[in-house]
């Protein structure tokens, strides 16, 4: 006899998506939009999860602007509120400059002026990966788990 699996109610996934100009202004706007959206979804701006998501978005958007920029093409931000976590995806259209994966991130030299963005992502995200995109490009996807008490319902 097969084990009985209890039926679960519908799972609500909330999504927010925005194309942004590959400029420092677009990267800053991504961070502000994410904080506003999280707050609207019940994840307070002053929560640990919102802080982590904001830093991850800021770093990934800055990388998309700095390393993934293709003239005339925007980068895309996707934010999803999943059961128990928040997923962040930042997609650019450049496929010749792929960042290292989660297991390959290296600490920069102590006095280096760059190279800390993915170190921060690695430290703050519960999971993250780099995925190829078709048409050309890449998506960096990260998830931050929502701890109990970090949502207003």
N, C-alpha and C. Protein backbone atom coordinates (compact mmCIF):
# COMPACT_ATOMS: atom_id res chain seq x y z
N UNK A 1 0.84 -1.17 0.00
CA UNK A 1 0.00 0.00 0.00
C UNK A 1 0.89 1.24 0.00
N UNK A 2 0.61 2.17 -0.89
CA UNK A 2 1.40 3.40 -0.99
C UNK A 2 1.10 4.30 0.20
N UNK A 3 2.13 5.00 0.70
CA UNK A 3 1.88 5.91 1.82
C UNK A 3 0.97 7.04 1.37
N UNK A 4 0.15 7.51 2.28
CA UNK A 4 -0.77 8.60 1.99
C UNK A 4 -0.03 9.93 2.15
N UNK A 5 -0.13 10.75 1.14
CA UNK A 5 0.47 12.08 1.20
C UNK A 5 -0.66 13.07 1.38
N UNK A 6 -0.61 13.81 2.47
CA UNK A 6 -1.67 14.78 2.75
C UNK A 6 -1.64 15.88 1.70
N UNK A 7 -2.81 16.23 1.23
CA UNK A 7 -2.91 17.31 0.26
C UNK A 7 -2.62 18.63 0.96
N UNK A 8 -1.79 19.41 0.33
CA UNK A 8 -1.48 20.73 0.87
C UNK A 8 -2.28 21.76 0.10
N UNK A 9 -2.57 22.85 0.74
CA UNK A 9 -3.29 23.93 0.08
C UNK A 9 -2.44 24.54 -1.02
N UNK A 10 -3.03 25.43 -1.76
CA UNK A 10 -2.27 26.07 -2.84
C UNK A 10 -1.07 26.84 -2.28
N UNK A 11 -0.01 26.83 -3.02
CA UNK A 11 1.20 27.54 -2.64
C UNK A 11 1.20 28.88 -3.37
N UNK A 12 1.32 29.94 -2.61
CA UNK A 12 1.34 31.27 -3.21
C UNK A 12 2.78 31.71 -3.40
N UNK A 13 3.11 32.02 -4.63
CA UNK A 13 4.42 32.57 -4.93
C UNK A 13 4.17 33.97 -5.48
N UNK A 14 4.76 34.93 -4.85
CA UNK A 14 4.62 36.31 -5.31
C UNK A 14 5.88 36.68 -6.06
N UNK A 15 5.70 37.38 -7.18
CA UNK A 15 6.86 37.72 -8.00
C UNK A 15 6.86 39.20 -8.37
N UNK A 16 8.06 39.72 -8.50
CA UNK A 16 8.28 41.09 -8.95
C UNK A 16 9.41 41.04 -9.96
N UNK A 17 9.23 41.67 -11.10
CA UNK A 17 10.26 41.66 -12.14
C UNK A 17 10.39 43.07 -12.71
N UNK A 18 11.62 43.47 -12.98
CA UNK A 18 11.86 44.81 -13.52
C UNK A 18 13.13 44.80 -14.36
N UNK A 19 13.06 45.40 -15.54
CA UNK A 19 14.26 45.65 -16.33
C UNK A 19 14.81 47.00 -15.92
N UNK A 20 16.13 47.07 -15.80
CA UNK A 20 16.77 48.30 -15.33
C UNK A 20 17.93 48.66 -16.24
N UNK A 21 18.20 49.94 -16.33
CA UNK A 21 19.32 50.40 -17.15
C UNK A 21 20.63 49.92 -16.52
N UNK A 22 21.58 49.51 -17.34
CA UNK A 22 22.87 49.01 -16.82
C UNK A 22 23.79 50.17 -16.42
N UNK A 23 23.33 50.93 -15.44
CA UNK A 23 24.06 52.10 -14.95
C UNK A 23 24.08 52.04 -13.43
N UNK A 24 24.96 52.80 -12.80
CA UNK A 24 24.94 52.85 -11.33
C UNK A 24 23.56 53.26 -10.79
N UNK A 25 22.88 54.14 -11.49
CA UNK A 25 21.54 54.55 -11.07
C UNK A 25 20.57 53.36 -11.11
N UNK A 26 20.66 52.54 -12.16
CA UNK A 26 19.82 51.35 -12.25
C UNK A 26 20.10 50.38 -11.12
N UNK A 27 21.36 50.23 -10.75
CA UNK A 27 21.73 49.33 -9.65
C UNK A 27 21.18 49.84 -8.33
N UNK A 28 21.28 51.14 -8.09
CA UNK A 28 20.71 51.72 -6.85
C UNK A 28 19.20 51.55 -6.81
N UNK A 29 18.55 51.79 -7.96
CA UNK A 29 17.10 51.66 -8.04
C UNK A 29 16.67 50.22 -7.73
N UNK A 30 17.44 49.23 -8.18
CA UNK A 30 17.11 47.83 -7.92
C UNK A 30 17.01 47.59 -6.41
N UNK A 31 17.96 48.09 -5.67
CA UNK A 31 17.97 47.90 -4.22
C UNK A 31 16.76 48.55 -3.57
N UNK A 32 16.44 49.78 -3.97
CA UNK A 32 15.28 50.48 -3.40
C UNK A 32 13.97 49.78 -3.75
N UNK A 33 13.84 49.31 -4.98
CA UNK A 33 12.62 48.61 -5.40
C UNK A 33 12.42 47.32 -4.60
N UNK A 34 13.51 46.61 -4.37
CA UNK A 34 13.43 45.35 -3.63
C UNK A 34 12.99 45.59 -2.19
N UNK A 35 13.55 46.58 -1.54
CA UNK A 35 13.15 46.87 -0.16
C UNK A 35 11.67 47.25 -0.09
N UNK A 36 11.20 48.06 -1.03
CA UNK A 36 9.79 48.45 -1.05
C UNK A 36 8.90 47.23 -1.30
N UNK A 37 9.31 46.37 -2.22
CA UNK A 37 8.51 45.19 -2.54
C UNK A 37 8.45 44.22 -1.37
N UNK A 38 9.58 43.98 -0.72
CA UNK A 38 9.60 43.10 0.44
C UNK A 38 8.68 43.63 1.54
N UNK A 39 8.72 44.94 1.78
CA UNK A 39 7.87 45.55 2.78
C UNK A 39 6.39 45.36 2.43
N UNK A 40 6.06 45.51 1.16
CA UNK A 40 4.69 45.30 0.70
C UNK A 40 4.25 43.85 0.92
N UNK A 41 5.18 42.93 0.78
CA UNK A 41 4.88 41.51 0.98
C UNK A 41 4.89 41.10 2.46
N UNK A 42 5.20 42.02 3.34
CA UNK A 42 5.18 41.70 4.77
C UNK A 42 6.53 41.36 5.36
N UNK A 43 7.59 41.57 4.62
CA UNK A 43 8.94 41.36 5.15
C UNK A 43 9.47 42.74 5.53
N UNK A 44 9.50 43.08 6.82
CA UNK A 44 9.86 44.43 7.24
C UNK A 44 11.26 44.86 6.78
N UNK A 45 11.38 46.14 6.48
CA UNK A 45 12.66 46.71 6.02
C UNK A 45 13.78 46.51 7.02
N UNK A 46 13.47 46.46 8.29
CA UNK A 46 14.51 46.34 9.30
C UNK A 46 14.78 44.89 9.72
N UNK A 47 14.24 43.94 8.95
CA UNK A 47 14.47 42.53 9.30
C UNK A 47 15.81 42.06 8.75
N UNK A 48 16.31 40.99 9.35
CA UNK A 48 17.57 40.39 8.90
C UNK A 48 17.47 39.93 7.44
N UNK A 49 16.32 39.35 7.08
CA UNK A 49 16.13 38.87 5.72
C UNK A 49 16.15 40.02 4.72
N UNK A 50 15.44 41.12 5.02
CA UNK A 50 15.41 42.27 4.11
C UNK A 50 16.81 42.86 3.96
N UNK A 51 17.54 42.95 5.05
CA UNK A 51 18.92 43.47 4.98
C UNK A 51 19.78 42.59 4.07
N UNK A 52 19.69 41.27 4.25
CA UNK A 52 20.49 40.35 3.43
C UNK A 52 20.10 40.46 1.96
N UNK A 53 18.80 40.47 1.68
CA UNK A 53 18.35 40.56 0.29
C UNK A 53 18.82 41.88 -0.33
N UNK A 54 18.73 42.98 0.41
CA UNK A 54 19.15 44.28 -0.12
C UNK A 54 20.63 44.28 -0.49
N UNK A 55 21.47 43.71 0.36
CA UNK A 55 22.91 43.66 0.07
C UNK A 55 23.17 42.77 -1.14
N UNK A 56 22.51 41.62 -1.20
CA UNK A 56 22.70 40.71 -2.33
C UNK A 56 22.28 41.38 -3.63
N UNK A 57 21.13 42.03 -3.63
CA UNK A 57 20.66 42.73 -4.84
C UNK A 57 21.64 43.83 -5.22
N UNK A 58 22.10 44.60 -4.25
CA UNK A 58 23.04 45.68 -4.55
C UNK A 58 24.31 45.13 -5.20
N UNK A 59 24.84 44.04 -4.66
CA UNK A 59 26.08 43.46 -5.21
C UNK A 59 25.86 42.85 -6.59
N UNK A 60 24.76 42.09 -6.76
CA UNK A 60 24.52 41.47 -8.07
C UNK A 60 24.19 42.50 -9.13
N UNK A 61 23.44 43.54 -8.77
CA UNK A 61 23.13 44.60 -9.72
C UNK A 61 24.40 45.37 -10.10
N UNK A 62 25.25 45.64 -9.11
CA UNK A 62 26.52 46.32 -9.41
C UNK A 62 27.38 45.47 -10.34
N UNK A 63 27.40 44.16 -10.12
CA UNK A 63 28.16 43.26 -11.00
C UNK A 63 27.57 43.25 -12.40
N UNK A 64 26.23 43.25 -12.51
CA UNK A 64 25.60 43.28 -13.83
C UNK A 64 25.96 44.56 -14.58
N UNK A 65 26.03 45.66 -13.85
CA UNK A 65 26.38 46.95 -14.46
C UNK A 65 27.87 47.00 -14.82
N UNK A 66 28.71 46.51 -13.94
CA UNK A 66 30.16 46.60 -14.13
C UNK A 66 30.71 45.54 -15.07
N UNK A 67 30.28 44.29 -14.90
CA UNK A 67 30.87 43.18 -15.65
C UNK A 67 29.96 42.59 -16.72
N UNK A 68 28.65 42.83 -16.62
CA UNK A 68 27.72 42.19 -17.54
C UNK A 68 27.07 43.12 -18.53
N UNK A 69 27.53 44.35 -18.55
CA UNK A 69 26.90 45.36 -19.40
C UNK A 69 27.18 45.12 -20.88
N UNK A 70 26.11 45.17 -21.66
CA UNK A 70 26.18 45.17 -23.11
C UNK A 70 25.46 46.45 -23.53
N UNK A 71 26.13 47.34 -24.27
CA UNK A 71 25.49 48.61 -24.64
C UNK A 71 24.12 48.39 -25.29
N UNK A 72 23.15 49.15 -24.80
CA UNK A 72 21.81 49.06 -25.35
C UNK A 72 20.94 47.96 -24.77
N UNK A 73 21.47 47.19 -23.84
CA UNK A 73 20.69 46.11 -23.24
C UNK A 73 20.59 46.29 -21.74
N UNK A 74 19.40 46.15 -21.21
CA UNK A 74 19.16 46.29 -19.78
C UNK A 74 19.54 45.00 -19.04
N UNK A 75 19.62 45.11 -17.73
CA UNK A 75 19.70 43.90 -16.93
C UNK A 75 18.32 43.70 -16.29
N UNK A 76 18.05 42.48 -15.86
CA UNK A 76 16.74 42.18 -15.30
C UNK A 76 16.86 41.71 -13.87
N UNK A 77 15.95 42.22 -13.06
CA UNK A 77 15.85 41.83 -11.66
C UNK A 77 14.55 41.06 -11.48
N UNK A 78 14.63 39.92 -10.83
CA UNK A 78 13.44 39.14 -10.48
C UNK A 78 13.52 38.86 -9.00
N UNK A 79 12.42 39.11 -8.32
CA UNK A 79 12.31 38.83 -6.89
C UNK A 79 11.08 37.96 -6.71
N UNK A 80 11.22 36.87 -5.96
CA UNK A 80 10.09 35.98 -5.72
C UNK A 80 10.01 35.67 -4.23
N UNK A 81 8.80 35.77 -3.70
CA UNK A 81 8.54 35.37 -2.33
C UNK A 81 7.99 33.96 -2.38
N UNK A 82 8.80 33.02 -1.95
CA UNK A 82 8.44 31.60 -1.96
C UNK A 82 8.07 31.18 -0.54
N UNK A 83 7.45 30.04 -0.39
CA UNK A 83 7.20 29.56 0.98
C UNK A 83 8.53 29.35 1.70
N UNK A 84 8.80 30.20 2.68
CA UNK A 84 10.00 30.03 3.49
C UNK A 84 11.25 30.73 3.01
N UNK A 85 11.21 31.38 1.84
CA UNK A 85 12.42 32.05 1.37
C UNK A 85 12.09 33.16 0.36
N UNK A 86 13.11 33.95 0.09
CA UNK A 86 13.05 34.97 -0.96
C UNK A 86 14.10 34.61 -1.99
N UNK A 87 13.70 34.57 -3.26
CA UNK A 87 14.63 34.29 -4.34
C UNK A 87 14.92 35.58 -5.09
N UNK A 88 16.19 35.79 -5.37
CA UNK A 88 16.67 36.93 -6.14
C UNK A 88 17.32 36.40 -7.40
N UNK A 89 17.00 36.99 -8.54
CA UNK A 89 17.67 36.65 -9.78
C UNK A 89 18.06 37.95 -10.48
N UNK A 90 19.31 38.05 -10.86
CA UNK A 90 19.78 39.18 -11.65
C UNK A 90 20.38 38.59 -12.92
N UNK A 91 19.83 39.04 -14.05
CA UNK A 91 20.20 38.51 -15.36
C UNK A 91 20.79 39.61 -16.21
N UNK A 92 21.92 39.31 -16.84
CA UNK A 92 22.47 40.24 -17.84
C UNK A 92 22.66 39.48 -19.14
N UNK A 93 23.00 40.19 -20.19
CA UNK A 93 23.07 39.58 -21.52
C UNK A 93 24.49 39.30 -21.99
N UNK A 94 25.43 39.42 -21.12
CA UNK A 94 26.82 39.15 -21.49
C UNK A 94 27.19 37.74 -21.06
N UNK A 95 27.64 36.91 -22.00
CA UNK A 95 27.95 35.53 -21.63
C UNK A 95 29.44 35.21 -21.64
N UNK A 96 30.28 36.17 -21.99
CA UNK A 96 31.71 35.88 -22.04
C UNK A 96 32.42 36.15 -20.72
N UNK A 97 31.74 36.72 -19.76
CA UNK A 97 32.34 37.00 -18.45
C UNK A 97 31.47 36.37 -17.37
N UNK A 98 31.70 35.12 -17.12
CA UNK A 98 30.90 34.36 -16.15
C UNK A 98 31.58 34.42 -14.78
N UNK A 99 30.82 34.79 -13.74
CA UNK A 99 31.42 34.83 -12.41
C UNK A 99 31.68 33.42 -11.88
N UNK A 100 32.52 33.30 -10.88
CA UNK A 100 32.74 31.98 -10.29
C UNK A 100 31.47 31.50 -9.60
N UNK A 101 31.33 30.21 -9.47
CA UNK A 101 30.19 29.64 -8.77
C UNK A 101 30.37 29.70 -7.26
N UNK A 102 29.37 29.24 -6.56
CA UNK A 102 29.37 29.33 -5.09
C UNK A 102 30.58 28.66 -4.45
N UNK A 103 31.07 27.58 -5.03
CA UNK A 103 32.20 26.87 -4.42
C UNK A 103 33.56 27.45 -4.84
N UNK A 104 33.55 28.39 -5.77
CA UNK A 104 34.81 28.90 -6.32
C UNK A 104 35.13 30.33 -5.94
N UNK A 105 34.33 30.94 -5.08
CA UNK A 105 34.57 32.33 -4.68
C UNK A 105 35.81 32.39 -3.80
N UNK A 106 36.68 33.31 -4.10
CA UNK A 106 37.93 33.49 -3.34
C UNK A 106 37.93 34.84 -2.65
N UNK A 107 38.46 34.88 -1.46
CA UNK A 107 38.63 36.14 -0.74
C UNK A 107 39.62 37.01 -1.51
N UNK A 108 39.33 38.31 -1.67
CA UNK A 108 40.31 39.18 -2.32
C UNK A 108 41.47 39.48 -1.38
N UNK A 109 42.53 39.99 -1.95
CA UNK A 109 43.66 40.41 -1.13
C UNK A 109 43.18 41.50 -0.16
N UNK A 110 43.79 41.59 1.01
CA UNK A 110 43.32 42.55 2.03
C UNK A 110 43.20 43.99 1.54
N UNK A 111 44.09 44.43 0.68
CA UNK A 111 44.05 45.82 0.22
C UNK A 111 43.44 45.98 -1.18
N UNK A 112 42.88 44.90 -1.71
CA UNK A 112 42.26 44.98 -3.04
C UNK A 112 41.07 45.93 -3.01
N UNK A 113 40.90 46.68 -4.11
CA UNK A 113 39.81 47.64 -4.18
C UNK A 113 38.52 47.03 -4.72
N UNK A 114 38.55 45.79 -5.17
CA UNK A 114 37.35 45.15 -5.72
C UNK A 114 37.40 43.66 -5.36
N UNK A 115 36.33 42.96 -5.71
CA UNK A 115 36.32 41.52 -5.53
C UNK A 115 35.59 41.01 -4.30
N UNK A 116 34.86 41.90 -3.62
CA UNK A 116 34.17 41.47 -2.41
C UNK A 116 32.69 41.19 -2.61
N UNK A 117 32.13 41.54 -3.76
CA UNK A 117 30.70 41.39 -4.00
C UNK A 117 30.20 39.97 -3.86
N UNK A 118 30.83 39.04 -4.56
CA UNK A 118 30.38 37.64 -4.47
C UNK A 118 30.74 37.01 -3.13
N UNK A 119 31.75 37.54 -2.46
CA UNK A 119 32.07 37.06 -1.11
C UNK A 119 30.89 37.40 -0.19
N UNK A 120 30.34 38.61 -0.35
CA UNK A 120 29.17 39.00 0.44
C UNK A 120 27.95 38.14 0.09
N UNK A 121 27.72 37.93 -1.20
CA UNK A 121 26.61 37.09 -1.64
C UNK A 121 26.75 35.69 -1.02
N UNK A 122 27.95 35.15 -1.09
CA UNK A 122 28.22 33.82 -0.55
C UNK A 122 27.95 33.77 0.96
N UNK A 123 28.28 34.84 1.66
CA UNK A 123 28.10 34.87 3.11
C UNK A 123 26.64 35.07 3.51
N UNK A 124 25.88 35.82 2.72
CA UNK A 124 24.51 36.18 3.11
C UNK A 124 23.43 35.26 2.56
N UNK A 125 23.68 34.67 1.39
CA UNK A 125 22.67 33.80 0.77
C UNK A 125 22.72 32.41 1.39
N UNK A 126 21.56 31.80 1.54
CA UNK A 126 21.53 30.42 2.01
C UNK A 126 21.90 29.47 0.88
N UNK A 127 21.60 29.88 -0.35
CA UNK A 127 21.95 29.13 -1.56
C UNK A 127 22.14 30.12 -2.69
N UNK A 128 23.07 29.83 -3.60
CA UNK A 128 23.16 30.65 -4.80
C UNK A 128 23.89 29.89 -5.89
N UNK A 129 23.65 30.33 -7.13
CA UNK A 129 24.26 29.67 -8.28
C UNK A 129 24.28 30.63 -9.46
N UNK A 130 25.08 30.26 -10.45
CA UNK A 130 25.13 30.99 -11.72
C UNK A 130 24.59 30.06 -12.78
N UNK A 131 23.61 30.54 -13.55
CA UNK A 131 23.01 29.70 -14.59
C UNK A 131 23.09 30.40 -15.94
N UNK A 132 23.38 29.61 -16.98
CA UNK A 132 23.40 30.16 -18.33
C UNK A 132 21.99 30.54 -18.74
N UNK A 133 21.92 31.50 -19.63
CA UNK A 133 20.65 31.98 -20.13
C UNK A 133 20.65 31.84 -21.64
N UNK A 134 19.51 31.49 -22.18
CA UNK A 134 19.39 31.42 -23.64
C UNK A 134 18.26 32.35 -24.03
N UNK A 135 18.45 33.41 -24.75
CA UNK A 135 19.62 33.78 -25.54
C UNK A 135 20.82 34.12 -24.64
N UNK A 136 21.95 34.43 -25.24
CA UNK A 136 23.19 34.60 -24.47
C UNK A 136 23.02 35.48 -23.23
N UNK A 137 23.74 35.06 -22.24
CA UNK A 137 23.75 35.79 -20.99
C UNK A 137 23.84 34.83 -19.83
N UNK A 138 23.62 35.36 -18.63
CA UNK A 138 23.69 34.55 -17.42
C UNK A 138 22.77 35.13 -16.37
N UNK A 139 22.39 34.28 -15.45
CA UNK A 139 21.57 34.68 -14.31
C UNK A 139 22.29 34.23 -13.05
N UNK A 140 22.40 35.15 -12.10
CA UNK A 140 22.88 34.77 -10.78
C UNK A 140 21.62 34.72 -9.90
N UNK A 141 21.40 33.55 -9.32
CA UNK A 141 20.21 33.29 -8.52
C UNK A 141 20.65 33.02 -7.09
N UNK A 142 19.99 33.68 -6.15
CA UNK A 142 20.31 33.50 -4.74
C UNK A 142 19.01 33.38 -3.95
N UNK A 143 19.06 32.64 -2.85
CA UNK A 143 17.91 32.53 -1.97
C UNK A 143 18.31 32.84 -0.54
N UNK A 144 17.41 33.54 0.13
CA UNK A 144 17.57 33.86 1.55
C UNK A 144 16.38 33.26 2.27
N UNK A 145 16.64 32.38 3.21
CA UNK A 145 15.57 31.77 3.98
C UNK A 145 14.97 32.79 4.94
N UNK A 146 13.65 32.71 5.08
CA UNK A 146 12.94 33.58 6.03
C UNK A 146 12.88 32.85 7.36
N UNK A 147 13.50 33.43 8.35
CA UNK A 147 13.47 32.84 9.69
C UNK A 147 12.12 33.17 10.32
N UNK A 148 11.73 32.42 11.31
CA UNK A 148 10.44 32.68 11.95
C UNK A 148 10.44 34.10 12.52
N UNK A 149 9.30 34.75 12.39
CA UNK A 149 9.15 36.09 12.92
C UNK A 149 9.63 37.20 12.01
N UNK A 150 10.05 36.89 10.78
CA UNK A 150 10.52 37.98 9.93
C UNK A 150 9.47 38.39 8.90
N UNK A 151 8.23 37.88 9.05
CA UNK A 151 7.13 38.32 8.18
C UNK A 151 5.97 38.81 9.03
N UNK A 152 5.39 39.89 8.58
CA UNK A 152 4.14 40.38 9.20
C UNK A 152 3.00 39.73 8.45
N UNK A 153 2.13 39.07 9.10
CA UNK A 153 0.96 38.48 8.41
C UNK A 153 -0.31 38.93 9.05
